[in-house]
Amino acid sequence: MTSIERTAYPRFKRLITARELHLFFSPSREEVEWAVARTGSDGHQLALLVLLKSGLGEHRYSGYR
């Protein structure tokens, strides 16, 4: 079985503080507007923002606009 280090899945710290969650994972107004323009429902917007923010934390989508 492939080790987690060799997969495409983002890895997060085991313990994330509330401050870190707010600082790194709260979407900006621009990011929310971007997601709204590309999705048709609240659930899809949430899913897109989660993918965006988890990927940005790993520096995967530096030019998503």
PDB file of N, CA and C in Angstrom:
ATOM      1  N   MET A   1       0.836  -1.174   0.000  1.00  0.00           N
ATOM      2  CA  MET A   1       0.000   0.000   0.000  1.00  0.00           C
ATOM      3  C   MET A   1       0.888   1.248   0.000  1.00  0.00           C
ATOM      4  N   THR A   2       0.506   2.253  -0.766  1.00  0.00           N
ATOM      5  CA  THR A   2       1.274   3.496  -0.865  1.00  0.00           C
ATOM      6  C   THR A   2       1.177   4.280   0.434  1.00  0.00           C
ATOM      7  N   SER A   3       2.289   4.848   0.868  1.00  0.00           N
ATOM      8  CA  SER A   3       2.270   5.654   2.086  1.00  0.00           C
ATOM      9  C   SER A   3       1.563   6.976   1.821  1.00  0.00           C
ATOM     10  N   ILE A   4       1.019   7.585   2.869  1.00  0.00           N
ATOM     11  CA  ILE A   4       0.253   8.833   2.747  1.00  0.00           C
ATOM     12  C   ILE A   4       1.114   9.959   2.169  1.00  0.00           C
ATOM     13  N   GLU A   5       2.398   9.930   2.415  1.00  0.00           N
ATOM     14  CA  GLU A   5       3.290  10.965   1.892  1.00  0.00           C
ATOM     15  C   GLU A   5       3.375  10.948   0.369  1.00  0.00           C
ATOM     16  N   ARG A   6       3.015   9.830  -0.234  1.00  0.00           N
ATOM     17  CA  ARG A   6       3.131   9.684  -1.686  1.00  0.00           C
ATOM     18  C   ARG A   6       1.793   9.836  -2.409  1.00  0.00           C
ATOM     19  N   THR A   7       0.763  10.297  -1.699  1.00  0.00           N
ATOM     20  CA  THR A   7      -0.556  10.456  -2.298  1.00  0.00           C
ATOM     21  C   THR A   7      -0.846  11.925  -2.588  1.00  0.00           C
ATOM     22  N   ALA A   8      -1.948  12.174  -3.279  1.00  0.00           N
ATOM     23  CA  ALA A   8      -2.347  13.539  -3.640  1.00  0.00           C
ATOM     24  C   ALA A   8      -3.204  14.190  -2.563  1.00  0.00           C
ATOM     25  N   TYR A   9      -3.518  13.471  -1.502  1.00  0.00           N
ATOM     26  CA  TYR A   9      -4.395  14.015  -0.474  1.00  0.00           C
ATOM     27  C   TYR A   9      -3.644  14.988   0.427  1.00  0.00           C
ATOM     28  N   PRO A  10      -4.285  16.112   0.774  1.00  0.00           N
ATOM     29  CA  PRO A  10      -3.613  17.058   1.674  1.00  0.00           C
ATOM     30  C   PRO A  10      -3.485  16.461   3.069  1.00  0.00           C
ATOM     31  N   ARG A  11      -2.418  16.807   3.727  1.00  0.00           N
ATOM     32  CA  ARG A  11      -2.198  16.360   5.096  1.00  0.00           C
ATOM     33  C   ARG A  11      -2.302  17.565   6.011  1.00  0.00           C
ATOM     34  N   PHE A  12      -3.022  17.407   7.089  1.00  0.00           N
ATOM     35  CA  PHE A  12      -3.208  18.478   8.056  1.00  0.00           C
ATOM     36  C   PHE A  12      -2.590  18.070   9.384  1.00  0.00           C
ATOM     37  N   LYS A  13      -2.264  19.080  10.174  1.00  0.00           N
ATOM     38  CA  LYS A  13      -1.785  18.800  11.517  1.00  0.00           C
ATOM     39  C   LYS A  13      -2.902  18.107  12.291  1.00  0.00           C
ATOM     40  N   ARG A  14      -2.523  17.307  13.265  1.00  0.00           N
ATOM     41  CA  ARG A  14      -3.545  16.603  14.061  1.00  0.00           C
ATOM     42  C   ARG A  14      -4.335  17.570  14.917  1.00  0.00           C
ATOM     43  N   LEU A  15      -3.701  18.592  15.428  1.00  0.00           N
ATOM     44  CA  LEU A  15      -4.382  19.577  16.266  1.00  0.00           C
ATOM     45  C   LEU A  15      -4.284  20.948  15.595  1.00  0.00           C
ATOM     46  N   ILE A  16      -5.436  21.518  15.281  1.00  0.00           N
ATOM     47  CA  ILE A  16      -5.489  22.841  14.666  1.00  0.00           C
ATOM     48  C   ILE A  16      -6.245  23.749  15.619  1.00  0.00           C
ATOM     49  N   THR A  17      -5.657  24.872  15.960  1.00  0.00           N
ATOM     50  CA  THR A  17      -6.306  25.798  16.884  1.00  0.00           C
ATOM     51  C   THR A  17      -7.416  26.564  16.173  1.00  0.00           C
ATOM     52  N   ALA A  18      -8.306  27.149  16.958  1.00  0.00           N
ATOM     53  CA  ALA A  18      -9.381  27.967  16.395  1.00  0.00           C
ATOM     54  C   ALA A  18      -8.795  29.144  15.624  1.00  0.00           C
ATOM     55  N   ARG A  19      -7.709  29.712  16.130  1.00  0.00           N
ATOM     56  CA  ARG A  19      -7.054  30.825  15.442  1.00  0.00           C
ATOM     57  C   ARG A  19      -6.542  30.405  14.066  1.00  0.00           C
ATOM     58  N   GLU A  20      -5.903  29.232  14.004  1.00  0.00           N
ATOM     59  CA  GLU A  20      -5.400  28.725  12.729  1.00  0.00           C
ATOM     60  C   GLU A  20      -6.534  28.428  11.753  1.00  0.00           C
ATOM     61  N   LEU A  21      -7.628  27.862  12.251  1.00  0.00           N
ATOM     62  CA  LEU A  21      -8.779  27.610  11.389  1.00  0.00           C
ATOM     63  C   LEU A  21      -9.288  28.905  10.777  1.00  0.00           C
ATOM     64  N   HIS A  22      -9.434  29.913  11.614  1.00  0.00           N
ATOM     65  CA  HIS A  22      -9.928  31.204  11.130  1.00  0.00           C
ATOM     66  C   HIS A  22      -8.934  31.848  10.168  1.00  0.00           C
ATOM     67  N   LEU A  23      -7.679  31.832  10.527  1.00  0.00           N
ATOM     68  CA  LEU A  23      -6.647  32.504   9.738  1.00  0.00           C
ATOM     69  C   LEU A  23      -6.437  31.852   8.375  1.00  0.00           C
ATOM     70  N   PHE A  24      -6.387  30.546   8.326  1.00  0.00           N
ATOM     71  CA  PHE A  24      -6.016  29.855   7.089  1.00  0.00           C
ATOM     72  C   PHE A  24      -7.186  29.293   6.283  1.00  0.00           C
ATOM     73  N   PHE A  25      -8.333  29.080   6.919  1.00  0.00           N
ATOM     74  CA  PHE A  25      -9.409  28.384   6.224  1.00  0.00           C
ATOM     75  C   PHE A  25     -10.690  29.191   6.048  1.00  0.00           C
ATOM     76  N   SER A  26     -10.771  30.396   6.590  1.00  0.00           N
ATOM     77  CA  SER A  26     -11.952  31.234   6.351  1.00  0.00           C
ATOM     78  C   SER A  26     -11.834  31.854   4.963  1.00  0.00           C
ATOM     79  N   PRO A  27     -12.866  31.683   4.134  1.00  0.00           N
ATOM     80  CA  PRO A  27     -12.785  32.244   2.783  1.00  0.00           C
ATOM     81  C   PRO A  27     -12.936  33.759   2.793  1.00  0.00           C
ATOM     82  N   SER A  28     -12.219  34.414   1.907  1.00  0.00           N
ATOM     83  CA  SER A  28     -12.347  35.862   1.761  1.00  0.00           C
ATOM     84  C   SER A  28     -13.618  36.167   0.977  1.00  0.00           C
ATOM     85  N   ARG A  29     -14.020  37.411   0.962  1.00  0.00           N
ATOM     86  CA  ARG A  29     -15.197  37.824   0.202  1.00  0.00           C
ATOM     87  C   ARG A  29     -15.005  37.489  -1.285  1.00  0.00           C
ATOM     88  N   GLU A  30     -13.806  37.727  -1.799  1.00  0.00           N
ATOM     89  CA  GLU A  30     -13.508  37.413  -3.203  1.00  0.00           C
ATOM     90  C   GLU A  30     -13.634  35.918  -3.491  1.00  0.00           C
ATOM     91  N   GLU A  31     -13.159  35.087  -2.575  1.00  0.00           N
ATOM     92  CA  GLU A  31     -13.249  33.642  -2.769  1.00  0.00           C
ATOM     93  C   GLU A  31     -14.703  33.168  -2.756  1.00  0.00           C
ATOM     94  N   VAL A  32     -15.512  33.743  -1.864  1.00  0.00           N
ATOM     95  CA  VAL A  32     -16.933  33.387  -1.814  1.00  0.00           C
ATOM     96  C   VAL A  32     -17.618  33.805  -3.110  1.00  0.00           C
ATOM     97  N   GLU A  33     -17.351  35.022  -3.575  1.00  0.00           N
ATOM     98  CA  GLU A  33     -17.944  35.494  -4.837  1.00  0.00           C
ATOM     99  C   GLU A  33     -17.512  34.603  -6.007  1.00  0.00           C
ATOM    100  N   TRP A  34     -16.261  34.189  -6.010  1.00  0.00           N
ATOM    101  CA  TRP A  34     -15.747  33.299  -7.050  1.00  0.00           C
ATOM    102  C   TRP A  34     -16.508  31.975  -7.037  1.00  0.00           C
ATOM    103  N   ALA A  35     -16.721  31.421  -5.844  1.00  0.00           N
ATOM    104  CA  ALA A  35     -17.430  30.142  -5.724  1.00  0.00           C
ATOM    105  C   ALA A  35     -18.901  30.281  -6.118  1.00  0.00           C
ATOM    106  N   VAL A  36     -19.535  31.382  -5.721  1.00  0.00           N
ATOM    107  CA  VAL A  36     -20.946  31.607  -6.063  1.00  0.00           C
ATOM    108  C   VAL A  36     -21.125  31.671  -7.575  1.00  0.00           C
ATOM    109  N   ALA A  37     -20.183  32.321  -8.256  1.00  0.00           N
ATOM    110  CA  ALA A  37     -20.272  32.469  -9.714  1.00  0.00           C
ATOM    111  C   ALA A  37     -20.092  31.144 -10.446  1.00  0.00           C
ATOM    112  N   ARG A  38     -19.540  30.138  -9.787  1.00  0.00           N
ATOM    113  CA  ARG A  38     -19.235  28.878 -10.457  1.00  0.00           C
ATOM    114  C   ARG A  38     -20.076  27.695  -9.994  1.00  0.00           C
ATOM    115  N   THR A  39     -21.010  27.932  -9.067  1.00  0.00           N
ATOM    116  CA  THR A  39     -21.819  26.834  -8.552  1.00  0.00           C
ATOM    117  C   THR A  39     -23.294  27.218  -8.557  1.00  0.00           C
ATOM    118  N   GLY A  40     -24.152  26.222  -8.366  1.00  0.00           N
ATOM    119  CA  GLY A  40     -25.579  26.478  -8.415  1.00  0.00           C
ATOM    120  C   GLY A  40     -26.317  26.292  -7.093  1.00  0.00           C
ATOM    121  N   SER A  41     -25.625  25.812  -6.072  1.00  0.00           N
ATOM    122  CA  SER A  41     -26.303  25.606  -4.790  1.00  0.00           C
ATOM    123  C   SER A  41     -25.337  25.874  -3.641  1.00  0.00           C
ATOM    124  N   ASP A  42     -25.934  26.072  -2.457  1.00  0.00           N
ATOM    125  CA  ASP A  42     -25.109  26.323  -1.269  1.00  0.00           C
ATOM    126  C   ASP A  42     -24.183  25.150  -0.969  1.00  0.00           C
ATOM    127  N   GLY A  43     -24.687  23.946  -1.148  1.00  0.00           N
ATOM    128  CA  GLY A  43     -23.865  22.760  -0.888  1.00  0.00           C
ATOM    129  C   GLY A  43     -22.667  22.682  -1.811  1.00  0.00           C
ATOM    130  N   HIS A  44     -22.871  23.007  -3.071  1.00  0.00           N
ATOM    131  CA  HIS A  44     -21.762  22.998  -4.022  1.00  0.00           C
ATOM    132  C   HIS A  44     -20.770  24.115  -3.726  1.00  0.00           C
ATOM    133  N   GLN A  45     -21.279  25.262  -3.280  1.00  0.00           N
ATOM    134  CA  GLN A  45     -20.385  26.367  -2.910  1.00  0.00           C
ATOM    135  C   GLN A  45     -19.504  25.956  -1.736  1.00  0.00           C
ATOM    136  N   LEU A  46     -20.122  25.326  -0.743  1.00  0.00           N
ATOM    137  CA  LEU A  46     -19.354  24.864   0.417  1.00  0.00           C
ATOM    138  C   LEU A  46     -18.283  23.865  -0.007  1.00  0.00           C
ATOM    139  N   ALA A  47     -18.668  22.895  -0.830  1.00  0.00           N
ATOM    140  CA  ALA A  47     -17.708  21.879  -1.283  1.00  0.00           C
ATOM    141  C   ALA A  47     -16.558  22.517  -2.052  1.00  0.00           C
ATOM    142  N   LEU A  48     -16.867  23.450  -2.938  1.00  0.00           N
ATOM    143  CA  LEU A  48     -15.824  24.109  -3.714  1.00  0.00           C
ATOM    144  C   LEU A  48     -14.890  24.920  -2.819  1.00  0.00           C
ATOM    145  N   LEU A  49     -15.452  25.628  -1.845  1.00  0.00           N
ATOM    146  CA  LEU A  49     -14.615  26.423  -0.937  1.00  0.00           C
ATOM    147  C   LEU A  49     -13.740  25.537  -0.049  1.00  0.00           C
ATOM    148  N   VAL A  50     -14.278  24.412   0.395  1.00  0.00           N
ATOM    149  CA  VAL A  50     -13.462  23.477   1.197  1.00  0.00           C
ATOM    150  C   VAL A  50     -12.300  22.959   0.371  1.00  0.00           C
ATOM    151  N   LEU A  51     -12.568  22.568  -0.868  1.00  0.00           N
ATOM    152  CA  LEU A  51     -11.490  22.103  -1.743  1.00  0.00           C
ATOM    153  C   LEU A  51     -10.478  23.209  -2.013  1.00  0.00           C
ATOM    154  N   LEU A  52     -10.988  24.394  -2.266  1.00  0.00           N
ATOM    155  CA  LEU A  52     -10.104  25.534  -2.537  1.00  0.00           C
ATOM    156  C   LEU A  52      -9.212  25.838  -1.345  1.00  0.00           C
ATOM    157  N   LYS A  53      -9.806  25.970  -0.167  1.00  0.00           N
ATOM    158  CA  LYS A  53      -9.019  26.349   1.007  1.00  0.00           C
ATOM    159  C   LYS A  53      -8.071  25.238   1.441  1.00  0.00           C
ATOM    160  N   SER A  54      -8.469  23.990   1.340  1.00  0.00           N
ATOM    161  CA  SER A  54      -7.552  22.915   1.722  1.00  0.00           C
ATOM    162  C   SER A  54      -6.409  22.820   0.721  1.00  0.00           C
ATOM    163  N   GLY A  55      -6.683  23.086  -0.549  1.00  0.00           N
ATOM    164  CA  GLY A  55      -5.628  23.079  -1.561  1.00  0.00           C
ATOM    165  C   GLY A  55      -4.717  24.272  -1.452  1.00  0.00           C
ATOM    166  N   LEU A  56      -5.281  25.451  -1.123  1.00  0.00           N
ATOM    167  CA  LEU A  56      -4.447  26.637  -0.970  1.00  0.00           C
ATOM    168  C   LEU A  56      -3.508  26.485   0.217  1.00  0.00           C
ATOM    169  N   GLY A  57      -3.980  25.801   1.244  1.00  0.00           N
ATOM    170  CA  GLY A  57      -3.116  25.546   2.394  1.00  0.00           C
ATOM    171  C   GLY A  57      -1.897  24.725   2.014  1.00  0.00           C
ATOM    172  N   GLU A  58      -2.036  23.929   0.995  1.00  0.00           N
ATOM    173  CA  GLU A  58      -0.929  23.104   0.500  1.00  0.00           C
ATOM    174  C   GLU A  58      -0.236  23.763  -0.692  1.00  0.00           C
ATOM    175  N   HIS A  59      -0.645  24.988  -1.043  1.00  0.00           N
ATOM    176  CA  HIS A  59      -0.079  25.752  -2.163  1.00  0.00           C
ATOM    177  C   HIS A  59      -0.287  25.034  -3.494  1.00  0.00           C
ATOM    178  N   ARG A  60      -1.469  24.459  -3.688  1.00  0.00           N
ATOM    179  CA  ARG A  60      -1.744  23.717  -4.913  1.00  0.00           C
ATOM    180  C   ARG A  60      -2.396  24.561  -5.993  1.00  0.00           C
ATOM    181  N   TYR A  61      -3.181  25.574  -5.586  1.00  0.00           N
ATOM    182  CA  TYR A  61      -3.929  26.367  -6.567  1.00  0.00           C
ATOM    183  C   TYR A  61      -3.511  27.821  -6.480  1.00  0.00           C
ATOM    184  N   SER A  62      -2.295  28.122  -6.790  1.00  0.00           N
ATOM    185  CA  SER A  62      -1.804  29.485  -6.617  1.00  0.00           C
ATOM    186  C   SER A  62      -2.482  30.474  -7.573  1.00  0.00           C
ATOM    187  N   GLY A  63      -2.980  30.022  -8.714  1.00  0.00           N
ATOM    188  CA  GLY A  63      -3.605  30.929  -9.673  1.00  0.00           C
ATOM    189  C   GLY A  63      -5.005  30.502 -10.040  1.00  0.00           C
ATOM    190  N   TYR A  64      -5.855  30.223  -9.029  1.00  0.00           N
ATOM    191  CA  TYR A  64      -7.180  29.690  -9.320  1.00  0.00           C
ATOM    192  C   TYR A  64      -8.075  30.666 -10.052  1.00  0.00           C
ATOM    193  N   ARG A  65      -7.776  31.944 -10.067  1.00  0.00           N
ATOM    194  CA  ARG A  65      -8.641  32.923 -10.701  1.00  0.00           C
ATOM    195  C   ARG A  65      -8.432  32.851 -12.179  1.00  0.00           C
TER     196      ARG A  65
END
